[in-house]
Every structure is written in structure tokens, then in C-alpha cells.
N, C-alpha and C. Protein backbone atom coordinates (compact mmCIF):
# COMPACT_ATOMS: atom_id res chain seq x y z
N MET A 1 4.61 17.75 -3.87
CA MET A 1 3.76 17.27 -2.97
C MET A 1 4.38 16.89 -1.91
N ARG A 2 3.97 16.72 -0.38
CA ARG A 2 4.42 16.44 0.75
C ARG A 2 3.53 15.38 0.94
N VAL A 3 4.59 13.89 0.97
CA VAL A 3 3.95 12.36 1.62
C VAL A 3 4.23 12.15 2.53
N GLY A 4 3.73 11.55 3.31
CA GLY A 4 3.94 10.80 4.75
C GLY A 4 4.33 9.23 4.37
N VAL A 5 5.47 9.07 5.28
CA VAL A 5 5.50 7.19 4.83
C VAL A 5 5.49 6.90 6.61
N LEU A 6 4.43 5.91 6.79
CA LEU A 6 4.34 5.38 8.06
C LEU A 6 5.59 4.85 8.39
N ALA A 7 6.09 5.18 9.64
CA ALA A 7 7.87 4.68 9.68
C ALA A 7 7.72 4.34 11.26
N LEU A 8 6.35 3.69 11.38
CA LEU A 8 6.63 2.72 12.69
C LEU A 8 7.44 1.46 12.68
N GLN A 9 7.33 0.63 11.44
CA GLN A 9 8.27 -0.95 10.77
C GLN A 9 8.38 -1.04 9.54
N GLY A 10 8.81 -1.72 8.76
CA GLY A 10 9.21 -2.27 7.89
C GLY A 10 9.54 -1.49 6.69
N ALA A 11 9.43 -1.34 5.25
CA ALA A 11 10.55 -0.73 4.61
C ALA A 11 10.30 0.23 4.42
N PHE A 12 9.77 1.10 5.46
CA PHE A 12 9.60 3.03 5.16
C PHE A 12 11.00 3.74 4.38
N VAL A 13 11.96 3.10 4.83
CA VAL A 13 13.03 3.86 4.31
C VAL A 13 13.08 4.22 2.57
N GLU A 14 12.71 2.71 2.08
CA GLU A 14 13.27 2.85 0.62
C GLU A 14 11.85 3.17 -0.47
N HIS A 15 10.51 3.51 0.46
CA HIS A 15 9.64 4.41 -0.29
C HIS A 15 10.07 5.78 0.10
N ARG A 16 10.54 6.12 1.12
CA ARG A 16 11.25 7.31 1.29
C ARG A 16 12.09 8.16 -0.03
N HIS A 17 12.89 7.10 -0.37
CA HIS A 17 13.98 7.34 -1.03
C HIS A 17 13.25 7.49 -3.01
N ALA A 18 12.18 6.06 -2.92
CA ALA A 18 11.41 6.31 -3.86
C ALA A 18 11.04 7.85 -4.68
N LEU A 19 10.43 8.02 -3.28
CA LEU A 19 9.60 9.70 -3.52
C LEU A 19 10.32 10.73 -3.61
N GLU A 20 11.66 10.76 -2.87
CA GLU A 20 12.76 11.47 -3.35
C GLU A 20 13.07 11.48 -4.48
N ARG A 21 13.39 10.56 -5.25
CA ARG A 21 13.80 10.51 -6.58
C ARG A 21 12.84 10.95 -7.70
N LEU A 22 11.72 10.92 -7.21
CA LEU A 22 10.46 11.64 -7.94
C LEU A 22 10.08 13.23 -7.58
N GLY A 23 11.09 13.56 -6.89
CA GLY A 23 11.06 15.24 -6.30
C GLY A 23 9.83 15.73 -5.53
N HIS A 24 9.69 14.66 -4.39
CA HIS A 24 8.44 14.85 -3.58
C HIS A 24 9.08 14.75 -2.11
N GLU A 25 8.61 15.66 -0.88
CA GLU A 25 9.16 16.12 0.10
C GLU A 25 8.79 14.82 0.90
N VAL A 26 8.97 14.26 1.68
CA VAL A 26 8.80 13.29 2.69
C VAL A 26 8.71 13.51 3.70
N VAL A 27 8.04 12.88 4.84
CA VAL A 27 7.63 13.06 6.15
C VAL A 27 7.56 11.44 6.77
N GLU A 28 8.36 11.58 7.80
CA GLU A 28 8.57 10.12 8.24
C GLU A 28 7.29 10.30 9.44
N VAL A 29 5.90 9.48 9.35
CA VAL A 29 4.65 9.40 10.26
C VAL A 29 4.73 8.42 11.37
N ARG A 30 5.21 9.14 12.41
CA ARG A 30 5.40 8.25 13.99
C ARG A 30 4.00 8.19 14.79
N LEU A 31 3.73 10.30 14.32
CA LEU A 31 2.78 10.09 15.34
C LEU A 31 1.48 10.82 15.15
N PRO A 32 0.54 11.10 15.59
CA PRO A 32 -0.81 11.57 14.84
C PRO A 32 -0.70 13.17 14.59
N ASP A 33 0.42 13.88 15.26
CA ASP A 33 0.59 15.18 14.42
C ASP A 33 1.49 14.94 13.27
N ASP A 34 2.00 14.48 12.76
CA ASP A 34 2.86 14.06 12.05
C ASP A 34 2.08 14.24 10.83
N LEU A 35 0.94 13.60 10.95
CA LEU A 35 -0.45 13.66 9.63
C LEU A 35 -0.69 15.05 9.41
N ALA A 36 -0.69 15.67 9.98
CA ALA A 36 -1.25 17.08 9.82
C ALA A 36 -0.52 17.90 8.44
N SER A 37 0.45 17.77 7.95
CA SER A 37 0.88 18.25 7.25
C SER A 37 1.49 17.48 5.98
N VAL A 38 1.01 16.42 5.62
CA VAL A 38 0.70 15.70 4.91
C VAL A 38 0.04 15.77 3.96
N ASP A 39 0.22 15.36 2.15
CA ASP A 39 -0.68 15.12 1.24
C ASP A 39 -1.23 14.32 0.76
N ALA A 40 -0.19 12.89 1.20
CA ALA A 40 -0.87 11.92 0.86
C ALA A 40 0.16 10.76 1.63
N LEU A 41 0.01 9.45 1.63
CA LEU A 41 0.59 8.54 3.02
C LEU A 41 0.83 7.02 2.33
N VAL A 42 1.71 6.77 2.32
CA VAL A 42 2.05 5.28 2.35
C VAL A 42 2.30 4.44 3.66
N ILE A 43 1.71 3.54 3.64
CA ILE A 43 1.41 2.62 4.58
C ILE A 43 2.63 1.29 3.82
N PRO A 44 3.89 0.89 4.42
CA PRO A 44 4.59 0.37 3.40
C PRO A 44 4.75 -1.56 4.24
N GLY A 45 4.99 -2.23 3.52
CA GLY A 45 5.27 -3.60 3.77
C GLY A 45 6.04 -3.77 5.41
N GLY A 46 6.03 -4.49 6.02
CA GLY A 46 6.70 -5.12 7.57
C GLY A 46 5.90 -6.53 7.68
N GLU A 47 5.12 -6.35 8.86
CA GLU A 47 4.72 -7.16 9.62
C GLU A 47 3.13 -6.51 9.74
N SER A 48 2.18 -6.96 9.21
CA SER A 48 1.16 -6.52 9.57
C SER A 48 0.21 -6.10 11.09
N THR A 49 0.69 -7.43 11.67
CA THR A 49 -0.20 -7.17 12.79
C THR A 49 1.16 -6.54 13.68
N THR A 50 2.40 -6.45 13.32
CA THR A 50 3.14 -5.13 14.16
C THR A 50 2.41 -4.00 14.24
N ILE A 51 1.95 -4.01 12.80
CA ILE A 51 1.94 -2.83 12.14
C ILE A 51 0.79 -2.00 12.95
N GLY A 52 -0.23 -3.12 12.65
CA GLY A 52 -1.81 -2.65 13.37
C GLY A 52 -1.41 -2.26 14.78
N LYS A 53 -0.34 -2.74 15.79
CA LYS A 53 -1.08 -2.81 17.09
C LYS A 53 0.23 -1.50 17.35
N LEU A 54 1.01 -1.41 16.78
CA LEU A 54 1.76 0.43 16.71
C LEU A 54 0.86 1.29 16.45
N LEU A 55 -0.15 0.88 15.17
CA LEU A 55 -0.92 2.13 15.11
C LEU A 55 -1.58 2.23 16.17
N VAL A 56 -2.15 1.51 16.95
CA VAL A 56 -3.12 1.42 18.68
C VAL A 56 -2.53 2.15 19.28
N ASP A 57 -0.90 1.53 19.54
CA ASP A 57 0.17 2.34 20.96
C ASP A 57 0.48 3.49 20.64
N TYR A 58 0.53 4.08 19.50
CA TYR A 58 0.48 5.36 19.26
C TYR A 58 0.22 6.21 18.53
N SER A 59 -1.57 5.77 18.76
CA SER A 59 -2.70 6.41 18.76
C SER A 59 -2.93 7.00 17.10
N LEU A 60 -2.47 6.49 16.26
CA LEU A 60 -2.44 6.62 14.51
C LEU A 60 -3.65 5.91 13.74
N LEU A 61 -4.71 5.09 14.54
CA LEU A 61 -5.27 4.12 13.77
C LEU A 61 -6.38 5.05 13.15
N GLU A 62 -6.90 5.46 14.70
CA GLU A 62 -8.30 6.52 13.92
C GLU A 62 -7.57 7.69 13.27
N PRO A 63 -6.88 8.42 13.73
CA PRO A 63 -6.39 9.17 12.64
C PRO A 63 -6.34 9.11 11.46
N ILE A 64 -5.50 7.85 10.76
CA ILE A 64 -5.21 7.70 9.16
C ILE A 64 -6.23 7.24 8.97
N ARG A 65 -7.27 6.19 9.35
CA ARG A 65 -8.38 5.62 8.80
C ARG A 65 -9.29 7.20 8.68
N ARG A 66 -9.11 8.67 9.67
CA ARG A 66 -10.12 9.74 8.95
C ARG A 66 -9.54 10.34 7.98
N ARG A 67 -7.93 10.46 7.52
CA ARG A 67 -7.29 11.26 6.76
C ARG A 67 -7.59 10.12 5.13
N VAL A 68 -7.79 8.92 5.43
CA VAL A 68 -8.06 7.87 4.06
C VAL A 68 -9.31 8.02 3.72
N GLN A 69 -10.57 8.16 4.67
CA GLN A 69 -11.95 8.38 4.45
C GLN A 69 -12.27 9.52 3.89
N GLU A 70 -11.24 11.06 4.43
CA GLU A 70 -11.46 12.53 3.87
C GLU A 70 -10.85 12.30 2.43
N GLY A 71 -10.06 11.11 2.10
CA GLY A 71 -9.60 11.33 0.34
C GLY A 71 -8.51 11.32 0.40
N THR A 72 -7.53 11.30 1.62
CA THR A 72 -6.14 11.45 1.41
C THR A 72 -5.53 10.40 0.45
N PRO A 73 -4.57 10.38 -0.58
CA PRO A 73 -4.08 9.49 -1.40
C PRO A 73 -3.25 8.61 -0.94
N THR A 74 -4.19 7.66 -0.66
CA THR A 74 -3.01 6.32 0.22
C THR A 74 -2.37 5.15 -0.67
N LEU A 75 -1.41 4.79 -0.47
CA LEU A 75 -0.54 3.41 -0.86
C LEU A 75 -0.45 2.61 0.01
N GLY A 76 -0.65 1.11 0.02
CA GLY A 76 -0.20 0.15 0.91
C GLY A 76 0.54 -0.54 0.31
N THR A 77 1.45 -1.03 0.57
CA THR A 77 2.06 -1.99 0.11
C THR A 77 2.69 -3.34 1.18
N CYS A 78 2.16 -4.55 0.36
CA CYS A 78 2.28 -5.66 0.88
C CYS A 78 1.88 -5.71 2.39
N ALA A 79 2.23 -5.35 3.81
CA ALA A 79 1.87 -5.83 4.69
C ALA A 79 0.73 -4.38 4.91
N GLY A 80 1.08 -3.64 3.64
CA GLY A 80 0.24 -2.01 4.30
C GLY A 80 -1.05 -2.44 3.10
N ALA A 81 -1.35 -3.38 2.39
CA ALA A 81 -2.43 -3.77 1.71
C ALA A 81 -3.36 -4.27 2.80
N ILE A 82 -2.57 -5.35 3.55
CA ILE A 82 -3.22 -5.63 4.62
C ILE A 82 -4.23 -4.97 5.46
N VAL A 83 -3.53 -4.32 5.90
CA VAL A 83 -3.80 -2.90 6.92
C VAL A 83 -5.38 -2.32 6.12
N LEU A 84 -4.96 -1.67 4.88
CA LEU A 84 -6.04 -1.53 4.26
C LEU A 84 -7.19 -1.93 3.81
N ALA A 85 -7.26 -3.55 3.85
CA ALA A 85 -8.47 -3.96 3.37
C ALA A 85 -9.41 -4.28 4.48
N LYS A 86 -10.36 -4.47 4.38
CA LYS A 86 -11.80 -4.31 4.89
C LYS A 86 -11.88 -5.97 6.02
N ASP A 87 -11.28 -6.90 4.96
CA ASP A 87 -11.53 -8.30 5.63
C ASP A 87 -10.18 -8.89 5.46
N ILE A 88 -9.53 -9.44 6.26
CA ILE A 88 -8.72 -9.99 6.02
C ILE A 88 -8.42 -11.80 6.64
N GLY A 89 -9.43 -11.92 6.89
CA GLY A 89 -10.08 -13.12 7.83
C GLY A 89 -9.65 -13.82 8.89
N ARG A 90 -9.13 -12.59 9.72
CA ARG A 90 -8.88 -12.93 11.33
C ARG A 90 -9.25 -11.52 11.82
N ASP A 91 -8.92 -11.42 13.42
CA ASP A 91 -9.25 -10.03 14.09
C ASP A 91 -7.74 -9.66 14.40
N GLN A 92 -7.14 -8.27 13.72
CA GLN A 92 -6.71 -7.66 13.98
C GLN A 92 -6.61 -5.82 13.52
N PRO A 93 -5.81 -4.87 14.14
CA PRO A 93 -6.58 -3.82 14.24
C PRO A 93 -6.29 -3.40 12.75
N LEU A 94 -7.28 -3.31 11.98
CA LEU A 94 -6.57 -2.59 10.50
C LEU A 94 -7.34 -1.00 10.10
N ILE A 95 -6.81 -0.41 9.29
CA ILE A 95 -7.67 0.64 8.39
C ILE A 95 -8.76 0.50 8.14
N GLY A 96 -9.02 -0.72 7.35
CA GLY A 96 -10.33 -1.47 6.98
C GLY A 96 -10.98 -0.60 5.78
N THR A 97 -10.27 0.75 5.23
CA THR A 97 -11.32 1.87 4.33
C THR A 97 -11.54 1.03 2.91
N MET A 98 -10.64 -0.37 2.43
CA MET A 98 -10.25 -0.75 0.68
C MET A 98 -11.57 -2.16 0.84
N ASP A 99 -12.03 -2.19 -0.14
CA ASP A 99 -13.08 -3.22 -0.29
C ASP A 99 -12.60 -4.49 -0.67
N MET A 100 -11.75 -4.70 -0.46
CA MET A 100 -11.16 -5.92 -0.73
C MET A 100 -10.91 -6.90 0.56
N VAL A 101 -10.84 -8.01 0.05
CA VAL A 101 -10.47 -9.65 0.96
C VAL A 101 -9.13 -9.72 0.77
N VAL A 102 -8.04 -9.92 1.52
CA VAL A 102 -6.53 -9.89 1.52
C VAL A 102 -6.25 -11.21 2.62
N ASN A 103 -5.62 -12.22 1.62
CA ASN A 103 -5.05 -13.48 2.81
C ASN A 103 -3.44 -13.14 2.69
N ARG A 104 -3.16 -13.30 3.98
CA ARG A 104 -2.03 -13.32 4.32
C ARG A 104 -0.97 -13.76 4.42
N ASN A 105 0.43 -13.59 3.63
CA ASN A 105 1.14 -14.83 3.52
C ASN A 105 0.66 -15.58 2.74
N ALA A 106 -0.09 -15.55 1.68
CA ALA A 106 -0.44 -16.31 0.76
C ALA A 106 0.27 -17.29 0.16
N PHE A 107 1.46 -16.50 -0.42
CA PHE A 107 3.00 -17.28 -1.48
C PHE A 107 3.47 -18.47 -0.24
N GLY A 108 3.35 -18.40 0.95
CA GLY A 108 4.20 -19.15 1.85
C GLY A 108 5.02 -18.52 2.62
N ARG A 109 6.46 -19.00 3.00
CA ARG A 109 7.42 -18.40 3.92
C ARG A 109 8.40 -17.75 3.43
N GLN A 110 9.31 -16.99 3.74
CA GLN A 110 10.30 -16.08 3.08
C GLN A 110 10.77 -16.99 1.80
N ILE A 111 11.28 -18.50 2.11
CA ILE A 111 11.96 -19.08 1.20
C ILE A 111 10.98 -19.42 -0.19
N GLN A 112 9.59 -18.78 -0.18
CA GLN A 112 8.89 -18.58 -1.39
C GLN A 112 8.74 -17.35 -1.92
N SER A 113 9.79 -16.30 -1.67
CA SER A 113 9.70 -15.10 -2.16
C SER A 113 10.12 -15.01 -3.45
N PHE A 114 9.15 -14.18 -4.23
CA PHE A 114 10.20 -14.25 -5.50
C PHE A 114 9.68 -12.73 -6.48
N GLU A 115 10.58 -12.70 -7.54
CA GLU A 115 10.49 -11.91 -8.15
C GLU A 115 9.67 -12.15 -9.48
N THR A 116 9.02 -10.80 -10.48
CA THR A 116 8.53 -11.54 -11.28
C THR A 116 8.12 -9.71 -12.37
N ASP A 117 8.37 -10.18 -13.73
CA ASP A 117 8.14 -9.00 -14.34
C ASP A 117 6.13 -8.92 -14.62
N LEU A 118 5.79 -7.95 -14.38
CA LEU A 118 4.17 -7.64 -14.06
C LEU A 118 4.07 -6.57 -14.66
N ARG A 119 3.06 -7.04 -15.85
CA ARG A 119 2.02 -5.74 -16.62
C ARG A 119 1.02 -5.41 -15.72
N ILE A 120 1.44 -4.01 -15.56
CA ILE A 120 0.33 -3.42 -15.32
C ILE A 120 -0.26 -1.85 -16.10
N PRO A 121 -1.63 -3.09 -16.73
CA PRO A 121 -1.97 -1.59 -18.00
C PRO A 121 -1.96 -0.52 -18.07
N ALA A 122 -2.28 0.12 -16.40
CA ALA A 122 -3.12 1.36 -16.31
C ALA A 122 -1.28 2.36 -16.49
N ILE A 123 -0.12 1.49 -16.15
CA ILE A 123 1.10 2.07 -16.36
C ILE A 123 1.70 2.64 -17.71
N GLY A 124 1.18 0.94 -18.36
CA GLY A 124 1.98 1.11 -19.72
C GLY A 124 2.16 -0.21 -19.99
N GLU A 125 2.71 -0.37 -21.22
CA GLU A 125 3.74 -1.86 -21.80
C GLU A 125 4.60 -2.17 -21.01
N LYS A 126 5.19 -1.64 -20.52
CA LYS A 126 6.66 -2.10 -20.39
C LYS A 126 6.25 -2.60 -18.85
N PRO A 127 6.84 -3.84 -18.60
CA PRO A 127 6.55 -4.29 -17.41
C PRO A 127 7.25 -3.60 -16.27
N ILE A 128 6.61 -3.96 -15.20
CA ILE A 128 7.32 -3.33 -13.59
C ILE A 128 8.07 -4.73 -12.79
N ARG A 129 8.92 -4.66 -12.64
CA ARG A 129 9.93 -5.75 -11.47
C ARG A 129 9.17 -5.92 -10.80
N ALA A 130 8.54 -6.91 -10.26
CA ALA A 130 7.46 -6.64 -9.05
C ALA A 130 8.43 -7.84 -7.78
N ILE A 131 8.85 -7.76 -6.57
CA ILE A 131 9.35 -8.15 -5.49
C ILE A 131 7.83 -8.50 -4.49
N PHE A 132 7.96 -10.02 -4.24
CA PHE A 132 6.92 -10.57 -3.09
C PHE A 132 7.51 -11.28 -2.04
N ILE A 133 8.14 -10.61 -1.56
CA ILE A 133 8.58 -10.84 -0.05
C ILE A 133 7.12 -11.56 1.48
N ARG A 134 7.18 -12.67 1.14
CA ARG A 134 5.98 -13.20 2.28
C ARG A 134 4.78 -12.40 2.48
N ALA A 135 4.28 -12.13 0.41
CA ALA A 135 3.30 -11.52 0.18
C ALA A 135 1.83 -12.21 0.50
N PRO A 136 1.03 -11.23 0.91
CA PRO A 136 -0.85 -11.51 0.69
C PRO A 136 -0.75 -11.87 -0.76
N ILE A 137 -2.01 -12.10 -1.11
CA ILE A 137 -2.63 -11.82 -2.38
C ILE A 137 -3.78 -11.42 -1.71
N ILE A 138 -4.65 -10.66 -2.64
CA ILE A 138 -5.70 -9.93 -2.88
C ILE A 138 -6.90 -10.90 -3.80
N THR A 139 -7.63 -11.51 -2.59
CA THR A 139 -8.56 -13.12 -2.98
C THR A 139 -9.43 -11.99 -3.80
N SER A 140 -10.54 -10.94 -3.37
CA SER A 140 -11.24 -10.20 -4.38
C SER A 140 -11.65 -8.82 -3.82
N VAL A 141 -11.98 -8.52 -4.98
CA VAL A 141 -12.50 -6.97 -4.64
C VAL A 141 -13.87 -6.64 -5.17
N GLY A 142 -14.15 -5.63 -4.24
CA GLY A 142 -15.56 -5.73 -4.14
C GLY A 142 -15.93 -4.46 -5.35
N PRO A 143 -17.37 -4.18 -5.08
CA PRO A 143 -17.41 -2.86 -6.48
C PRO A 143 -17.16 -1.60 -6.28
N LYS A 144 -16.54 -1.51 -5.28
CA LYS A 144 -16.01 0.29 -4.93
C LYS A 144 -14.32 -0.03 -5.63
N ALA A 145 -13.99 -1.29 -5.47
CA ALA A 145 -12.79 -1.48 -6.13
C ALA A 145 -12.73 -2.07 -7.71
N GLU A 146 -11.31 -1.68 -8.28
CA GLU A 146 -10.47 -2.11 -9.55
C GLU A 146 -9.39 -2.80 -9.45
N VAL A 147 -9.54 -4.10 -10.22
CA VAL A 147 -8.12 -5.21 -10.15
C VAL A 147 -7.40 -4.29 -11.17
N LEU A 148 -6.11 -3.73 -10.89
CA LEU A 148 -4.50 -3.01 -11.59
C LEU A 148 -3.93 -4.09 -12.28
N ALA A 149 -3.80 -5.22 -11.87
CA ALA A 149 -2.69 -6.33 -11.91
C ALA A 149 -2.86 -7.73 -11.01
N ARG A 150 -2.63 -8.37 -12.29
CA ARG A 150 -2.76 -10.19 -12.13
C ARG A 150 -1.65 -10.46 -12.05
N LEU A 151 -1.38 -11.78 -11.45
CA LEU A 151 -0.18 -12.59 -12.51
C LEU A 151 -0.66 -13.51 -13.43
N ASP A 152 -0.18 -14.19 -14.08
CA ASP A 152 -0.45 -15.12 -14.66
C ASP A 152 -1.82 -15.64 -14.28
N ASP A 153 -1.44 -16.47 -13.35
CA ASP A 153 -2.44 -17.50 -13.20
C ASP A 153 -3.74 -16.94 -12.75
N GLY A 154 -3.54 -15.69 -12.61
CA GLY A 154 -5.15 -15.09 -12.20
C GLY A 154 -4.95 -14.18 -11.16
N THR A 155 -4.32 -14.56 -10.16
CA THR A 155 -4.04 -13.84 -8.79
C THR A 155 -3.72 -12.42 -8.68
N ILE A 156 -5.27 -12.14 -7.89
CA ILE A 156 -4.66 -10.49 -8.06
C ILE A 156 -3.91 -9.48 -7.56
N VAL A 157 -3.00 -9.02 -7.44
CA VAL A 157 -1.82 -8.51 -6.77
C VAL A 157 -1.33 -6.57 -6.67
N ALA A 158 -2.50 -5.95 -7.56
CA ALA A 158 -2.45 -4.93 -7.31
C ALA A 158 -4.02 -4.64 -7.62
N ALA A 159 -4.48 -3.40 -6.52
CA ALA A 159 -6.01 -2.90 -7.06
C ALA A 159 -6.31 -1.90 -6.26
N ARG A 160 -6.86 -0.77 -6.87
CA ARG A 160 -7.09 0.70 -6.61
C ARG A 160 -8.58 0.72 -6.04
N GLN A 161 -9.22 1.41 -5.28
CA GLN A 161 -10.19 2.43 -5.04
C GLN A 161 -10.28 3.62 -4.72
N GLY A 162 -10.72 4.60 -5.62
CA GLY A 162 -10.91 6.05 -5.47
C GLY A 162 -9.17 6.37 -5.51
N ASN A 163 -8.95 6.94 -3.79
CA ASN A 163 -7.52 7.43 -3.16
C ASN A 163 -6.90 6.71 -2.94
N MET A 164 -7.55 5.23 -2.32
CA MET A 164 -6.57 3.77 -2.37
C MET A 164 -5.96 2.80 -3.19
N VAL A 165 -4.54 3.11 -2.92
CA VAL A 165 -3.89 2.26 -4.32
C VAL A 165 -3.21 0.60 -3.16
N ALA A 166 -3.66 -0.38 -3.21
CA ALA A 166 -2.65 -1.33 -2.63
C ALA A 166 -2.18 -2.34 -3.59
N THR A 167 -0.70 -2.39 -2.78
CA THR A 167 0.15 -4.25 -3.94
C THR A 167 0.26 -5.26 -2.84
N ALA A 168 0.37 -6.07 -3.48
CA ALA A 168 0.92 -7.21 -2.75
C ALA A 168 2.68 -7.38 -2.85
N PHE A 169 2.99 -6.78 -3.73
CA PHE A 169 4.74 -6.55 -4.19
C PHE A 169 4.92 -5.29 -3.47
N HIS A 170 6.48 -4.97 -3.50
CA HIS A 170 7.04 -3.97 -3.10
C HIS A 170 7.28 -2.98 -3.91
N PRO A 171 7.22 -2.44 -4.70
CA PRO A 171 7.35 -1.63 -5.75
C PRO A 171 8.54 -0.72 -5.38
N GLU A 172 8.67 -0.15 -3.96
CA GLU A 172 9.73 0.36 -3.44
C GLU A 172 11.49 -0.06 -3.93
N LEU A 173 11.24 -1.34 -3.81
CA LEU A 173 12.08 -1.89 -3.71
C LEU A 173 12.95 -2.54 -5.18
N SER A 174 12.28 -2.21 -6.13
CA SER A 174 12.82 -2.55 -7.54
C SER A 174 13.80 -1.68 -8.69
N GLY A 175 13.63 0.03 -7.68
CA GLY A 175 14.35 0.95 -8.42
C GLY A 175 13.79 1.63 -9.92
N ASP A 176 12.44 1.51 -9.79
CA ASP A 176 11.72 1.80 -11.02
C ASP A 176 10.53 2.94 -10.07
N ASP A 177 10.31 3.59 -10.41
CA ASP A 177 9.05 4.92 -9.62
C ASP A 177 8.22 5.16 -10.45
N ARG A 178 7.68 4.43 -11.39
CA ARG A 178 6.71 4.50 -11.90
C ARG A 178 5.66 4.14 -11.27
N PHE A 179 5.59 3.58 -10.13
CA PHE A 179 4.30 2.55 -9.66
C PHE A 179 3.98 3.91 -8.52
N HIS A 180 4.79 4.47 -8.04
CA HIS A 180 4.54 5.33 -7.08
C HIS A 180 4.18 7.02 -7.77
N ALA A 181 4.90 6.94 -9.03
CA ALA A 181 3.92 8.23 -9.99
C ALA A 181 2.91 8.18 -10.32
N TYR A 182 2.32 6.45 -10.83
CA TYR A 182 1.40 6.20 -11.21
C TYR A 182 0.09 6.66 -10.50
N TRP A 183 0.35 6.49 -8.47
CA TRP A 183 -0.14 6.26 -7.68
C TRP A 183 -0.65 7.66 -7.39
N LEU A 184 0.56 8.33 -7.18
CA LEU A 184 0.34 10.11 -7.03
C LEU A 184 -0.49 10.71 -8.02
N GLU A 185 -0.29 10.65 -9.25
CA GLU A 185 -1.27 11.26 -10.18
C GLU A 185 -2.52 10.94 -10.45
N THR A 186 -2.61 9.74 -10.57
CA THR A 186 -3.81 8.76 -10.43
C THR A 186 -4.98 9.02 -9.02
N THR A 187 -4.51 9.48 -8.01
CA THR A 187 -5.31 9.02 -6.66
C THR A 187 -5.50 10.61 -6.53
N ALA A 188 -4.29 11.78 -6.67
CA ALA A 188 -4.39 12.79 -5.65
C ALA A 188 -5.48 13.88 -6.03
N THR A 189 -6.67 13.52 -6.99
CA THR A 189 -7.74 14.03 -7.35
C THR A 189 -8.90 13.38 -7.32
N ALA A 190 -8.96 12.18 -6.76
CA ALA A 190 -9.96 10.95 -7.04
C ALA A 190 -10.55 10.81 -5.76
N GLY A 191 -10.44 11.24 -4.39
CA GLY A 191 -11.38 11.28 -3.43
C GLY A 191 -11.52 10.23 -2.65
N ALA A 192 -11.81 10.46 -1.67
CA ALA A 192 -12.69 9.09 -1.08
C ALA A 192 -13.89 8.37 -1.90
N ARG A 193 -14.09 7.07 -2.07
CA ARG A 193 -15.39 6.48 -2.36
C ARG A 193 -15.99 5.38 -1.54
């Protein structure tokens, strides 16, 4: 599979490495023409306001929104989850295709970043090491989306809707590629909903 990784800002190199370890060809997406050849797309963590601004500046917002709506498998991690959400409680450019509400920087400042072993039943019994860096939380999902993972206190940290998967954590930083494999396996034929 040829996977595009939005490479305007944020942790795109780490996603590239995870996908290459899984045997996929990776294209760094910086311009609309870069989208033409990809079968799937990652919107990485970083700073959501900056990513939104750059999506507008590089004329990528509408082409990416269209690709996601057409069913391109899309993974949004941390800031990428914010950019995918329909509602974040503030005005900034969003792809806005996923039926969820996200609260930016919900865990606080950089010093409140943390790691935890996270159970994701869809992936299997063995937990994934989840790394949260100035992370958002998914405060709710609509009827089109499903919760994939919660912290022990019930906080939603991963969700799926058809061809889209969003995480509050950074699966690309753990060295465990099972989440990327799960995303591609389960969304490749899902299409948009």
C-alpha cells in the first residue's frame, strides 16, 4: 500500500518509519498533487492550530477533506485527531469529517505528558504502550463513530468511524506497530460513512 503522511509539521517522520517497518511505501504529503498517488493518509501529531493554518496555506484542506469523505483510510493522531473532529469547541480550520467532540490539550501542559499501557480490545489482549504528549481527549462520539479505547477512568482516547481512526496518543512513538497495522487492515475496505 502507498501511504501518505501529512508532512507540514509534527511527528511525520516517526509515522513514516512505522509504516515502512510494516512494508508500505510512504509519500510525504506537502502539496495537493502529493495526494493523487496515495491509498491511505496519516495526519500526525503536532500543533493543531498550525496544522490547520498550513492546510489552508498549502491548499490542502479541501482536497484532504474530499479524499477522506470518499473513503481514503485516514489516521489522525493527537493533533491529527483534533483536525479530523467535527467539533473542538473553537474556531480553526478542520477537516471536520469525524463524528466526535475533542478537547484540545485536555491533560494540561507538557509537564503533564505521560505514558501508560493501554488495552485496545480490537487489537488483542496485549496492551499497547500509549504515549500522551499535551494530548487531547475525545469527550464524545456520535452515532456514526465507535470508541476503540478508554483510559481506566473512562476517558476516550481512540475512536473509529468507517475509514477514519483517531487517537489522543502517539502510536508512532512506541516502537510497537500493531496500531498502524490494525488501522490499515480494518479501514482499507471500510469506505466513508
